[in-house]
Each structure stands twice: as structure tokens, then as C-alpha cells.
Amino acid sequence: MNTSNRPLSPHLQIYKPQLTSVLSISHRMTGFGLSIIVLFSPVIIYFLTKSAETHQVVISFLQNTLIKFIFSLALFGLLYHLCNGIRHLAWDAGYGLDLDTSYKSGYIVLASSFSLTLLILFIAGAF
């Protein structure tokens, strides 16, 4: 039996990620991140309603620039997960499965997620 140091199948060192695979992995990561946020949201709401002192502490915490940036990323993750989920529903219905349409819809998902994030942040007065 010939034993060599070569990998048995393509691995990360030689694999070139495609847009579809990157978006699929990102969809799973944003879903996981959103589930973490859902777990911490009741804690934030609890401390907002507990007393005036804890309310003020939470408000001052949420006004931190780094926290605002993290919430902006979370908003983008939510909108990306929503838009990409709609794309997956179209795929489940049999639409847009060819390679060209799949790439176009991927770019549309990215552009719409980014645009909606900026629009919501602008409306909310974050700029």
C-alpha cells in the first residue's frame, strides 16, 4: 500500500471558496448569533424594568460606541439572515437554482442586507 503525505480529498489549503458556500456558511453563523441575542434579550429587558438605577446603567451601557457597533452588526446579521432565508425559500420552490441566477441572487442578498441596514440605522438616527 502506497502511503503518501497527500490529503485524501481537497482541503482548506487548496479549496477556493465560492460565493454560494460563503453565503451558506454565513447564513448558519448569523442564525447562531441571532439565537445568542435572543437568549440575552430578556436579561436586558429585565434590567431595564427592574429599577431606575438599573435602567440608567443599561441605557449608559447601550450608548457605548462599541456596543452600538455590535448592535449594528447584529442588525446586519438579522437582515442578512432574513434576505438569505427568502432566497432559500425560492430555492425550495425550485426557482433560481442555476449557477448564474444563484450568484446574482447572492449579490442581491448582500446588497439588500447592507442597504436595509444603512436605511434602518439612518432612520433610527445612528448617523
N, C-alpha and C. Protein backbone atom coordinates (compact mmCIF):
# COMPACT_ATOMS: atom_id res chain seq x y z
N MET A 1 0.84 -1.17 0.00
CA MET A 1 0.00 0.00 0.00
C MET A 1 0.89 1.24 0.00
N ASN A 2 0.59 2.15 -0.90
CA ASN A 2 1.37 3.37 -1.03
C ASN A 2 0.85 4.41 -0.04
N THR A 3 1.69 4.80 0.87
CA THR A 3 1.30 5.84 1.82
C THR A 3 2.06 7.12 1.48
N SER A 4 1.31 8.15 1.24
CA SER A 4 1.93 9.45 0.95
C SER A 4 1.36 10.48 1.92
N ASN A 5 1.96 11.63 1.92
CA ASN A 5 1.54 12.71 2.81
C ASN A 5 0.46 13.59 2.18
N ARG A 6 -0.02 13.20 1.01
CA ARG A 6 -1.04 13.99 0.35
C ARG A 6 -2.40 13.78 1.02
N PRO A 7 -3.21 14.84 1.06
CA PRO A 7 -4.55 14.66 1.64
C PRO A 7 -5.40 13.76 0.75
N LEU A 8 -6.38 13.11 1.35
CA LEU A 8 -7.25 12.21 0.61
C LEU A 8 -8.28 12.96 -0.23
N SER A 9 -8.64 14.15 0.17
CA SER A 9 -9.61 14.95 -0.57
C SER A 9 -9.22 16.42 -0.46
N PRO A 10 -9.79 17.26 -1.32
CA PRO A 10 -9.44 18.69 -1.24
C PRO A 10 -9.72 19.23 0.16
N HIS A 11 -8.82 20.03 0.64
CA HIS A 11 -8.94 20.56 1.99
C HIS A 11 -8.87 22.08 1.91
N LEU A 12 -8.93 22.73 3.05
CA LEU A 12 -8.97 24.18 3.11
C LEU A 12 -7.75 24.85 2.50
N GLN A 13 -6.61 24.14 2.46
CA GLN A 13 -5.40 24.76 1.91
C GLN A 13 -5.52 24.99 0.40
N ILE A 14 -6.28 24.15 -0.29
CA ILE A 14 -6.36 24.28 -1.74
C ILE A 14 -7.78 24.61 -2.22
N TYR A 15 -8.72 24.64 -1.32
CA TYR A 15 -10.11 24.89 -1.69
C TYR A 15 -10.34 26.38 -1.87
N LYS A 16 -10.93 26.75 -3.00
CA LYS A 16 -11.27 28.16 -3.25
C LYS A 16 -12.76 28.34 -2.96
N PRO A 17 -13.08 29.11 -1.92
CA PRO A 17 -14.49 29.25 -1.56
C PRO A 17 -15.28 30.00 -2.64
N GLN A 18 -16.46 29.49 -2.94
CA GLN A 18 -17.36 30.15 -3.88
C GLN A 18 -18.33 31.04 -3.10
N LEU A 19 -18.95 31.95 -3.79
CA LEU A 19 -19.91 32.86 -3.16
C LEU A 19 -21.03 32.07 -2.48
N THR A 20 -21.51 31.03 -3.14
CA THR A 20 -22.63 30.27 -2.58
C THR A 20 -22.23 29.58 -1.27
N SER A 21 -21.03 29.05 -1.21
CA SER A 21 -20.61 28.38 0.03
C SER A 21 -20.37 29.38 1.15
N VAL A 22 -19.80 30.53 0.83
CA VAL A 22 -19.56 31.56 1.84
C VAL A 22 -20.89 32.09 2.38
N LEU A 23 -21.86 32.30 1.49
CA LEU A 23 -23.16 32.79 1.94
C LEU A 23 -23.90 31.73 2.76
N SER A 24 -23.73 30.47 2.42
CA SER A 24 -24.37 29.40 3.18
C SER A 24 -23.78 29.32 4.59
N ILE A 25 -22.47 29.39 4.68
CA ILE A 25 -21.82 29.36 5.99
C ILE A 25 -22.21 30.61 6.80
N SER A 26 -22.27 31.76 6.14
CA SER A 26 -22.66 32.99 6.82
C SER A 26 -24.10 32.92 7.32
N HIS A 27 -24.96 32.27 6.55
CA HIS A 27 -26.36 32.12 6.97
C HIS A 27 -26.44 31.32 8.27
N ARG A 28 -25.66 30.27 8.36
CA ARG A 28 -25.65 29.45 9.57
C ARG A 28 -25.05 30.23 10.75
N MET A 29 -23.99 30.99 10.49
CA MET A 29 -23.34 31.76 11.56
C MET A 29 -24.28 32.86 12.08
N THR A 30 -24.98 33.54 11.17
CA THR A 30 -25.90 34.59 11.62
C THR A 30 -27.07 33.98 12.39
N GLY A 31 -27.52 32.80 11.97
CA GLY A 31 -28.58 32.12 12.72
C GLY A 31 -28.14 31.79 14.13
N PHE A 32 -26.91 31.32 14.28
CA PHE A 32 -26.37 31.03 15.61
C PHE A 32 -26.24 32.31 16.43
N GLY A 33 -25.69 33.36 15.80
CA GLY A 33 -25.54 34.64 16.51
C GLY A 33 -26.87 35.22 16.95
N LEU A 34 -27.88 35.10 16.11
CA LEU A 34 -29.21 35.61 16.46
C LEU A 34 -29.83 34.81 17.60
N SER A 35 -29.55 33.52 17.66
CA SER A 35 -30.07 32.73 18.77
C SER A 35 -29.42 33.14 20.09
N ILE A 36 -28.14 33.52 20.04
CA ILE A 36 -27.47 34.02 21.25
C ILE A 36 -28.11 35.34 21.68
N ILE A 37 -28.39 36.22 20.73
CA ILE A 37 -29.01 37.51 21.04
C ILE A 37 -30.39 37.30 21.65
N VAL A 38 -31.14 36.34 21.12
CA VAL A 38 -32.47 36.06 21.65
C VAL A 38 -32.38 35.60 23.11
N LEU A 39 -31.32 34.90 23.45
CA LEU A 39 -31.16 34.45 24.83
C LEU A 39 -30.84 35.61 25.78
N PHE A 40 -30.10 36.62 25.30
CA PHE A 40 -29.72 37.73 26.17
C PHE A 40 -30.75 38.87 26.19
N SER A 41 -31.64 38.91 25.24
CA SER A 41 -32.63 39.99 25.19
C SER A 41 -33.52 40.05 26.43
N PRO A 42 -34.03 38.93 26.93
CA PRO A 42 -34.84 39.03 28.17
C PRO A 42 -34.05 39.57 29.36
N VAL A 43 -32.76 39.29 29.40
CA VAL A 43 -31.94 39.81 30.50
C VAL A 43 -31.87 41.33 30.43
N ILE A 44 -31.66 41.85 29.24
CA ILE A 44 -31.61 43.30 29.06
C ILE A 44 -32.95 43.92 29.42
N ILE A 45 -34.03 43.32 28.95
CA ILE A 45 -35.36 43.84 29.26
C ILE A 45 -35.64 43.79 30.76
N TYR A 46 -35.20 42.73 31.40
CA TYR A 46 -35.39 42.62 32.85
C TYR A 46 -34.71 43.77 33.58
N PHE A 47 -33.46 44.03 33.24
CA PHE A 47 -32.74 45.09 33.93
C PHE A 47 -33.25 46.48 33.54
N LEU A 48 -33.85 46.62 32.37
CA LEU A 48 -34.46 47.90 32.00
C LEU A 48 -35.69 48.19 32.87
N THR A 49 -36.38 47.14 33.30
CA THR A 49 -37.62 47.34 34.04
C THR A 49 -37.49 47.12 35.55
N LYS A 50 -36.33 46.69 36.02
CA LYS A 50 -36.15 46.35 37.44
C LYS A 50 -36.23 47.58 38.34
N SER A 51 -35.44 48.60 38.05
CA SER A 51 -35.45 49.81 38.87
C SER A 51 -34.88 50.95 38.04
N ALA A 52 -35.01 52.15 38.57
CA ALA A 52 -34.50 53.33 37.86
C ALA A 52 -32.97 53.27 37.74
N GLU A 53 -32.31 52.74 38.77
CA GLU A 53 -30.84 52.67 38.75
C GLU A 53 -30.36 51.69 37.68
N THR A 54 -30.96 50.49 37.66
CA THR A 54 -30.52 49.50 36.65
C THR A 54 -30.90 49.96 35.25
N HIS A 55 -32.03 50.68 35.14
CA HIS A 55 -32.41 51.23 33.84
C HIS A 55 -31.35 52.19 33.34
N GLN A 56 -30.88 53.06 34.20
CA GLN A 56 -29.85 54.03 33.81
C GLN A 56 -28.54 53.33 33.46
N VAL A 57 -28.18 52.28 34.19
CA VAL A 57 -26.95 51.53 33.89
C VAL A 57 -27.04 50.88 32.51
N VAL A 58 -28.19 50.28 32.21
CA VAL A 58 -28.37 49.62 30.91
C VAL A 58 -28.34 50.66 29.79
N ILE A 59 -28.99 51.78 29.99
CA ILE A 59 -29.00 52.83 28.96
C ILE A 59 -27.60 53.35 28.71
N SER A 60 -26.85 53.60 29.76
CA SER A 60 -25.47 54.10 29.57
C SER A 60 -24.60 53.02 28.91
N PHE A 61 -24.85 51.76 29.21
CA PHE A 61 -24.13 50.66 28.57
C PHE A 61 -24.45 50.61 27.08
N LEU A 62 -25.73 50.77 26.73
CA LEU A 62 -26.14 50.69 25.33
C LEU A 62 -25.71 51.92 24.53
N GLN A 63 -25.34 53.00 25.19
CA GLN A 63 -24.88 54.19 24.48
C GLN A 63 -23.39 54.17 24.17
N ASN A 64 -22.70 53.13 24.61
CA ASN A 64 -21.28 52.96 24.31
C ASN A 64 -21.11 52.75 22.81
N THR A 65 -20.09 53.36 22.22
CA THR A 65 -19.86 53.27 20.78
C THR A 65 -19.61 51.83 20.33
N LEU A 66 -18.84 51.09 21.10
CA LEU A 66 -18.57 49.70 20.73
C LEU A 66 -19.85 48.86 20.77
N ILE A 67 -20.70 49.08 21.75
CA ILE A 67 -21.96 48.35 21.85
C ILE A 67 -22.88 48.73 20.70
N LYS A 68 -22.90 50.00 20.33
CA LYS A 68 -23.70 50.42 19.17
C LYS A 68 -23.20 49.74 17.90
N PHE A 69 -21.89 49.61 17.76
CA PHE A 69 -21.32 48.93 16.60
C PHE A 69 -21.72 47.45 16.59
N ILE A 70 -21.67 46.82 17.76
CA ILE A 70 -22.06 45.41 17.87
C ILE A 70 -23.54 45.23 17.52
N PHE A 71 -24.38 46.14 17.98
CA PHE A 71 -25.80 46.07 17.66
C PHE A 71 -26.04 46.34 16.17
N SER A 72 -25.23 47.19 15.57
CA SER A 72 -25.34 47.42 14.13
C SER A 72 -24.97 46.17 13.35
N LEU A 73 -23.93 45.46 13.80
CA LEU A 73 -23.58 44.19 13.17
C LEU A 73 -24.69 43.16 13.37
N ALA A 74 -25.29 43.17 14.54
CA ALA A 74 -26.39 42.25 14.80
C ALA A 74 -27.59 42.56 13.90
N LEU A 75 -27.84 43.85 13.68
CA LEU A 75 -28.92 44.25 12.77
C LEU A 75 -28.62 43.76 11.36
N PHE A 76 -27.37 43.93 10.92
CA PHE A 76 -27.00 43.42 9.60
C PHE A 76 -27.18 41.91 9.54
N GLY A 77 -26.77 41.21 10.60
CA GLY A 77 -26.93 39.76 10.64
C GLY A 77 -28.39 39.34 10.55
N LEU A 78 -29.26 40.07 11.24
CA LEU A 78 -30.69 39.78 11.19
C LEU A 78 -31.23 39.98 9.78
N LEU A 79 -30.89 41.11 9.17
CA LEU A 79 -31.40 41.40 7.83
C LEU A 79 -30.80 40.46 6.79
N TYR A 80 -29.52 40.12 6.95
CA TYR A 80 -28.90 39.16 6.03
C TYR A 80 -29.59 37.80 6.15
N HIS A 81 -29.83 37.36 7.38
CA HIS A 81 -30.47 36.06 7.61
C HIS A 81 -31.88 36.07 7.02
N LEU A 82 -32.59 37.17 7.15
CA LEU A 82 -33.93 37.30 6.58
C LEU A 82 -33.88 37.22 5.05
N CYS A 83 -33.03 38.04 4.44
CA CYS A 83 -32.96 38.07 2.97
C CYS A 83 -32.47 36.74 2.41
N ASN A 84 -31.48 36.16 3.04
CA ASN A 84 -30.96 34.88 2.56
C ASN A 84 -31.97 33.76 2.81
N GLY A 85 -32.76 33.87 3.86
CA GLY A 85 -33.82 32.90 4.11
C GLY A 85 -34.88 32.95 3.03
N ILE A 86 -35.22 34.15 2.57
CA ILE A 86 -36.16 34.30 1.45
C ILE A 86 -35.58 33.66 0.20
N ARG A 87 -34.29 33.85 -0.01
CA ARG A 87 -33.60 33.22 -1.15
C ARG A 87 -33.69 31.70 -1.05
N HIS A 88 -33.49 31.17 0.14
CA HIS A 88 -33.58 29.72 0.32
C HIS A 88 -35.01 29.21 0.10
N LEU A 89 -36.00 30.00 0.48
CA LEU A 89 -37.38 29.62 0.21
C LEU A 89 -37.65 29.56 -1.29
N ALA A 90 -37.08 30.50 -2.03
CA ALA A 90 -37.21 30.46 -3.50
C ALA A 90 -36.54 29.20 -4.06
N TRP A 91 -35.40 28.85 -3.52
CA TRP A 91 -34.73 27.62 -3.96
C TRP A 91 -35.58 26.40 -3.64
N ASP A 92 -36.20 26.39 -2.45
CA ASP A 92 -37.05 25.26 -2.08
C ASP A 92 -38.23 25.12 -3.03
N ALA A 93 -38.68 26.23 -3.57
CA ALA A 93 -39.79 26.21 -4.53
C ALA A 93 -39.30 25.88 -5.94
N GLY A 94 -37.97 25.76 -6.13
CA GLY A 94 -37.43 25.38 -7.43
C GLY A 94 -37.00 26.54 -8.31
N TYR A 95 -36.94 27.74 -7.76
CA TYR A 95 -36.56 28.91 -8.54
C TYR A 95 -35.10 29.30 -8.26
N GLY A 96 -34.40 29.71 -9.31
CA GLY A 96 -33.06 30.26 -9.15
C GLY A 96 -31.99 29.27 -8.79
N LEU A 97 -32.14 28.04 -9.23
CA LEU A 97 -31.16 27.02 -8.85
C LEU A 97 -29.96 26.94 -9.79
N ASP A 98 -30.05 27.55 -10.97
CA ASP A 98 -28.89 27.50 -11.87
C ASP A 98 -27.79 28.41 -11.34
N LEU A 99 -26.57 28.15 -11.76
CA LEU A 99 -25.40 28.81 -11.19
C LEU A 99 -25.42 30.32 -11.38
N ASP A 100 -25.80 30.78 -12.56
CA ASP A 100 -25.80 32.23 -12.83
C ASP A 100 -26.81 32.95 -11.95
N THR A 101 -28.02 32.42 -11.86
CA THR A 101 -29.05 33.04 -11.02
C THR A 101 -28.70 32.95 -9.55
N SER A 102 -28.06 31.87 -9.17
CA SER A 102 -27.65 31.70 -7.78
C SER A 102 -26.63 32.78 -7.37
N TYR A 103 -25.69 33.08 -8.25
CA TYR A 103 -24.72 34.13 -7.96
C TYR A 103 -25.38 35.51 -7.95
N LYS A 104 -26.27 35.75 -8.90
CA LYS A 104 -26.96 37.05 -8.93
C LYS A 104 -27.80 37.24 -7.67
N SER A 105 -28.52 36.20 -7.26
CA SER A 105 -29.34 36.34 -6.06
C SER A 105 -28.47 36.50 -4.81
N GLY A 106 -27.29 35.91 -4.82
CA GLY A 106 -26.36 36.09 -3.70
C GLY A 106 -25.91 37.54 -3.58
N TYR A 107 -25.58 38.15 -4.71
CA TYR A 107 -25.18 39.56 -4.68
C TYR A 107 -26.36 40.45 -4.30
N ILE A 108 -27.56 40.07 -4.73
CA ILE A 108 -28.75 40.84 -4.36
C ILE A 108 -28.99 40.76 -2.85
N VAL A 109 -28.79 39.58 -2.28
CA VAL A 109 -28.95 39.40 -0.82
C VAL A 109 -27.96 40.30 -0.08
N LEU A 110 -26.71 40.29 -0.52
CA LEU A 110 -25.71 41.13 0.16
C LEU A 110 -26.04 42.61 0.03
N ALA A 111 -26.39 43.04 -1.18
CA ALA A 111 -26.69 44.46 -1.40
C ALA A 111 -27.94 44.89 -0.62
N SER A 112 -28.97 44.06 -0.64
CA SER A 112 -30.20 44.43 0.06
C SER A 112 -30.00 44.42 1.58
N SER A 113 -29.24 43.48 2.09
CA SER A 113 -28.97 43.45 3.53
C SER A 113 -28.21 44.69 3.97
N PHE A 114 -27.18 45.03 3.22
CA PHE A 114 -26.38 46.20 3.55
C PHE A 114 -27.21 47.48 3.43
N SER A 115 -27.99 47.59 2.35
CA SER A 115 -28.80 48.79 2.13
C SER A 115 -29.87 48.94 3.21
N LEU A 116 -30.54 47.85 3.55
CA LEU A 116 -31.57 47.92 4.58
C LEU A 116 -30.97 48.27 5.94
N THR A 117 -29.78 47.74 6.22
CA THR A 117 -29.12 48.08 7.48
C THR A 117 -28.83 49.57 7.55
N LEU A 118 -28.25 50.11 6.49
CA LEU A 118 -27.96 51.55 6.47
C LEU A 118 -29.24 52.38 6.56
N LEU A 119 -30.29 51.95 5.88
CA LEU A 119 -31.55 52.68 5.92
C LEU A 119 -32.14 52.70 7.33
N ILE A 120 -32.15 51.55 7.99
CA ILE A 120 -32.70 51.49 9.35
C ILE A 120 -31.85 52.30 10.32
N LEU A 121 -30.53 52.21 10.19
CA LEU A 121 -29.66 53.00 11.07
C LEU A 121 -29.84 54.49 10.83
N PHE A 122 -30.06 54.86 9.57
CA PHE A 122 -30.28 56.27 9.25
C PHE A 122 -31.62 56.75 9.84
N ILE A 123 -32.66 55.95 9.69
CA ILE A 123 -33.98 56.30 10.24
C ILE A 123 -33.93 56.38 11.76
N ALA A 124 -33.15 55.46 12.37
CA ALA A 124 -33.05 55.44 13.83
C ALA A 124 -32.19 56.57 14.37
N GLY A 125 -31.51 57.29 13.48
CA GLY A 125 -30.68 58.41 13.91
C GLY A 125 -29.29 58.01 14.36
N ALA A 126 -28.81 56.88 13.89
CA ALA A 126 -27.47 56.43 14.29
C ALA A 126 -26.37 57.21 13.57
N PHE A 127 -26.73 57.92 12.53
CA PHE A 127 -25.70 58.70 11.79
C PHE A 127 -25.80 60.16 12.16
